[in-house]
Structures are given as C-alpha cells and as structure tokens.
Protein backbone atom coordinates (compact mmCIF):
# COMPACT_ATOMS: atom_id res chain seq x y z
CA UNK A 1 -40.41 -33.14 45.19
CA UNK A 2 -39.25 -29.81 45.44
CA UNK A 3 -37.89 -28.60 48.86
CA UNK A 4 -41.12 -25.92 49.76
CA UNK A 5 -39.03 -24.49 52.46
CA UNK A 6 -37.41 -22.46 49.73
CA UNK A 7 -40.14 -20.88 48.49
CA UNK A 8 -40.72 -17.91 50.84
CA UNK A 9 -36.93 -16.38 50.79
CA UNK A 10 -36.44 -13.48 48.74
CA UNK A 11 -33.63 -11.60 48.25
CA UNK A 12 -33.99 -8.35 49.53
CA UNK A 13 -30.70 -6.65 48.29
CA UNK A 14 -32.62 -4.52 45.46
CA UNK A 15 -35.18 -1.97 46.41
CA UNK A 16 -37.43 -0.36 43.47
CA UNK A 17 -38.78 3.01 44.72
CA UNK A 18 -41.90 4.22 43.36
CA UNK A 19 -42.45 8.56 43.06
CA UNK A 20 -45.09 9.43 45.39
CA UNK A 21 -46.45 13.22 45.72
CA UNK A 22 -47.36 12.64 49.82
CA UNK A 23 -45.02 10.15 51.63
CA UNK A 24 -46.49 9.81 54.80
CA UNK A 25 -50.03 9.40 53.04
CA UNK A 26 -48.85 6.55 50.62
CA UNK A 27 -47.01 4.97 53.34
CA UNK A 28 -49.98 4.83 55.22
CA UNK A 29 -52.43 3.71 52.71
CA UNK A 30 -49.99 0.47 51.96
CA UNK A 31 -49.71 -0.51 55.38
CA UNK A 32 -53.60 -0.50 55.66
CA UNK A 33 -53.96 -2.33 52.45
CA UNK A 34 -51.71 -5.03 53.93
CA UNK A 35 -48.11 -4.56 53.63
CA UNK A 36 -45.77 -4.88 56.49
CA UNK A 37 -43.21 -2.27 57.18
CA UNK A 38 -39.96 -3.14 56.14
CA UNK A 39 -38.31 0.11 56.82
CA UNK A 40 -39.80 3.22 58.36
CA UNK A 41 -40.52 6.42 56.59
CA UNK A 42 -37.75 8.49 56.95
CA UNK A 43 -36.02 11.93 55.59
CA UNK A 44 -32.61 10.97 54.10
CA UNK A 45 -31.88 14.50 53.62
CA UNK A 46 -33.10 17.61 51.84
CA UNK A 47 -36.40 16.83 52.17
CA UNK A 48 -36.11 13.69 50.66
CA UNK A 49 -38.31 11.25 52.31
CA UNK A 50 -38.23 7.19 51.70
CA UNK A 51 -39.51 4.14 53.01
CA UNK A 52 -40.10 0.47 52.08
CA UNK A 53 -42.91 -1.97 52.61
CA UNK A 54 -43.09 -5.81 52.15
CA UNK A 55 -46.39 -7.11 50.32
CA UNK A 56 -48.23 -10.19 51.36
CA UNK A 57 -46.09 -11.99 49.29
CA UNK A 58 -43.12 -11.30 50.64
CA UNK A 59 -41.77 -8.98 47.73
CA UNK A 60 -40.11 -5.54 49.00
CA UNK A 61 -40.75 -1.89 47.28
CA UNK A 62 -40.04 1.61 48.61
CA UNK A 63 -41.55 4.62 47.89
CA UNK A 64 -40.16 8.01 47.54
CA UNK A 65 -40.95 12.03 47.43
CA UNK A 66 -38.09 13.81 46.15
CA UNK A 67 -39.23 17.16 45.76
CA UNK A 68 -36.24 17.68 43.50
CA UNK A 69 -37.85 15.72 40.77
CA UNK A 70 -41.20 16.43 38.91
CA UNK A 71 -43.80 13.79 39.24
CA UNK A 72 -46.13 15.43 36.63
CA UNK A 73 -44.73 13.31 33.67
CA UNK A 74 -45.26 10.07 35.32
CA UNK A 75 -47.04 7.16 33.83
CA UNK A 76 -50.20 6.23 35.37
C-alpha cells in the first residue's frame, strides 16, 4: 500500500510567474479565491512587483507586474 504521507509533499524550488496588469488587485483576487500567501507582494526594483501564492492543492505559482514588458501580446 502506498505511503500517503508523501502525497502532499511538493517541491517548491521552481515558481512560474504569470504576467499581470495590476499586481495588487491580482494578488488579492487569488487570496480571495482560496490561495494562501507564499510570498507577499514586493517591489524587487525598477517598478517590478512580484508575489507568490499556494493553491488549495499545494502548488506554488507567482504573479509579476513588469513595466518593462508589454502584456498586449499575451495569450488569453
């Protein structure tokens, strides 16, 4: 029988970031939808804002607002 204690262990070494237009609003919406805060919203320099959340399944992903890149060509 499989050891069920291993099911919830996730590797948190890699975080994928989604580009967003409004980091504060997007971060709050994710938390309101059930994500838990993994890394608070922070300015990492030159107006770049990043944050990371953990979804209800334990997956970690981030958001990024980078004023140096255009979001107009993103896939919707």
